[in-house]
PDB file of N, CA and C in Angstrom:
ATOM      1  N   UNK A   1      16.099  -3.376 -11.259  1.00  0.00           N
ATOM      2  CA  UNK A   1      16.038  -2.656  -9.981  1.00  0.00           C
ATOM      3  C   UNK A   1      14.907  -1.628 -10.021  1.00  0.00           C
ATOM      4  N   UNK A   2      14.230  -1.471  -8.910  1.00  0.00           N
ATOM      5  CA  UNK A   2      13.078  -0.566  -8.856  1.00  0.00           C
ATOM      6  C   UNK A   2      13.534   0.845  -8.520  1.00  0.00           C
ATOM      7  N   UNK A   3      12.907   1.814  -9.149  1.00  0.00           N
ATOM      8  CA  UNK A   3      13.219   3.204  -8.811  1.00  0.00           C
ATOM      9  C   UNK A   3      12.516   3.595  -7.521  1.00  0.00           C
ATOM     10  N   UNK A   4      12.983   4.667  -6.920  1.00  0.00           N
ATOM     11  CA  UNK A   4      12.426   5.069  -5.626  1.00  0.00           C
ATOM     12  C   UNK A   4      10.958   5.468  -5.755  1.00  0.00           C
ATOM     13  N   UNK A   5      10.597   6.156  -6.828  1.00  0.00           N
ATOM     14  CA  UNK A   5       9.196   6.577  -7.001  1.00  0.00           C
ATOM     15  C   UNK A   5       8.274   5.365  -7.090  1.00  0.00           C
ATOM     16  N   UNK A   6       8.700   4.379  -7.856  1.00  0.00           N
ATOM     17  CA  UNK A   6       7.897   3.153  -7.973  1.00  0.00           C
ATOM     18  C   UNK A   6       7.748   2.483  -6.614  1.00  0.00           C
ATOM     19  N   UNK A   7       8.847   2.426  -5.882  1.00  0.00           N
ATOM     20  CA  UNK A   7       8.829   1.792  -4.562  1.00  0.00           C
ATOM     21  C   UNK A   7       7.832   2.491  -3.644  1.00  0.00           C
ATOM     22  N   UNK A   8       7.890   3.809  -3.592  1.00  0.00           N
ATOM     23  CA  UNK A   8       6.979   4.559  -2.715  1.00  0.00           C
ATOM     24  C   UNK A   8       5.530   4.396  -3.146  1.00  0.00           C
ATOM     25  N   UNK A   9       5.299   4.340  -4.457  1.00  0.00           N
ATOM     26  CA  UNK A   9       3.929   4.165  -4.949  1.00  0.00           C
ATOM     27  C   UNK A   9       3.394   2.798  -4.537  1.00  0.00           C
ATOM     28  N   UNK A  10       4.207   1.779  -4.646  1.00  0.00           N
ATOM     29  CA  UNK A  10       3.788   0.427  -4.251  1.00  0.00           C
ATOM     30  C   UNK A  10       3.498   0.384  -2.752  1.00  0.00           C
ATOM     31  N   UNK A  11       4.347   1.025  -1.968  1.00  0.00           N
ATOM     32  CA  UNK A  11       4.149   1.045  -0.517  1.00  0.00           C
ATOM     33  C   UNK A  11       2.844   1.744  -0.167  1.00  0.00           C
ATOM     34  N   UNK A  12       2.590   2.894  -0.758  1.00  0.00           N
ATOM     35  CA  UNK A  12       1.350   3.623  -0.449  1.00  0.00           C
ATOM     36  C   UNK A  12       0.128   2.816  -0.870  1.00  0.00           C
ATOM     37  N   UNK A  13       0.196   2.166  -2.025  1.00  0.00           N
ATOM     38  CA  UNK A  13      -0.924   1.334  -2.473  1.00  0.00           C
ATOM     39  C   UNK A  13      -1.154   0.185  -1.501  1.00  0.00           C
ATOM     40  N   UNK A  14      -0.059  -0.425  -1.063  1.00  0.00           N
ATOM     41  CA  UNK A  14      -0.161  -1.535  -0.116  1.00  0.00           C
ATOM     42  C   UNK A  14      -0.815  -1.076   1.189  1.00  0.00           C
ATOM     43  N   UNK A  15      -0.421   0.103   1.667  1.00  0.00           N
ATOM     44  CA  UNK A  15      -0.987   0.629   2.916  1.00  0.00           C
ATOM     45  C   UNK A  15      -2.476   0.902   2.750  1.00  0.00           C
ATOM     46  N   UNK A  16      -2.870   1.450   1.629  1.00  0.00           N
ATOM     47  CA  UNK A  16      -4.292   1.733   1.385  1.00  0.00           C
ATOM     48  C   UNK A  16      -5.090   0.430   1.389  1.00  0.00           C
ATOM     49  N   UNK A  17      -4.580  -0.576   0.699  1.00  0.00           N
ATOM     50  CA  UNK A  17      -5.267  -1.875   0.669  1.00  0.00           C
ATOM     51  C   UNK A  17      -5.346  -2.475   2.066  1.00  0.00           C
ATOM     52  N   UNK A  18      -4.271  -2.356   2.813  1.00  0.00           N
ATOM     53  CA  UNK A  18      -4.250  -2.893   4.171  1.00  0.00           C
ATOM     54  C   UNK A  18      -5.288  -2.189   5.032  1.00  0.00           C
ATOM     55  N   UNK A  19      -5.411  -0.889   4.878  1.00  0.00           N
ATOM     56  CA  UNK A  19      -6.406  -0.132   5.640  1.00  0.00           C
ATOM     57  C   UNK A  19      -7.812  -0.600   5.302  1.00  0.00           C
ATOM     58  N   UNK A  20      -8.080  -0.849   4.025  1.00  0.00           N
ATOM     59  CA  UNK A  20      -9.405  -1.333   3.634  1.00  0.00           C
ATOM     60  C   UNK A  20      -9.695  -2.679   4.289  1.00  0.00           C
ATOM     61  N   UNK A  21      -8.710  -3.556   4.272  1.00  0.00           N
ATOM     62  CA  UNK A  21      -8.895  -4.887   4.867  1.00  0.00           C
ATOM     63  C   UNK A  21      -9.167  -4.763   6.362  1.00  0.00           C
ATOM     64  N   UNK A  22      -8.406  -3.929   7.038  1.00  0.00           N
ATOM     65  CA  UNK A  22      -8.601  -3.757   8.480  1.00  0.00           C
ATOM     66  C   UNK A  22      -9.971  -3.175   8.775  1.00  0.00           C
ATOM     67  N   UNK A  23     -10.407  -2.226   7.974  1.00  0.00           N
ATOM     68  CA  UNK A  23     -11.721  -1.618   8.196  1.00  0.00           C
ATOM     69  C   UNK A  23     -12.823  -2.650   8.008  1.00  0.00           C
ATOM     70  N   UNK A  24     -12.684  -3.498   6.999  1.00  0.00           N
ATOM     71  CA  UNK A  24     -13.720  -4.501   6.749  1.00  0.00           C
ATOM     72  C   UNK A  24     -13.715  -5.584   7.823  1.00  0.00           C
ATOM     73  N   UNK A  25     -12.540  -5.852   8.382  1.00  0.00           N
ATOM     74  CA  UNK A  25     -12.445  -6.889   9.406  1.00  0.00           C
ATOM     75  C   UNK A  25     -13.165  -6.445  10.681  1.00  0.00           C
ATOM     76  N   UNK A  26     -13.115  -5.171  10.990  1.00  0.00           N
ATOM     77  CA  UNK A  26     -13.805  -4.667  12.170  1.00  0.00           C
ATOM     78  C   UNK A  26     -15.295  -4.638  11.889  1.00  0.00           C
TER      79      UNK A  26
END
């Protein structure tokens, strides 16, 4: 089972990567 800190870190990393992809797509 994942701890809450790990979960939040993964989510923030995912959001950052998603933002990069969206910026490059534009």
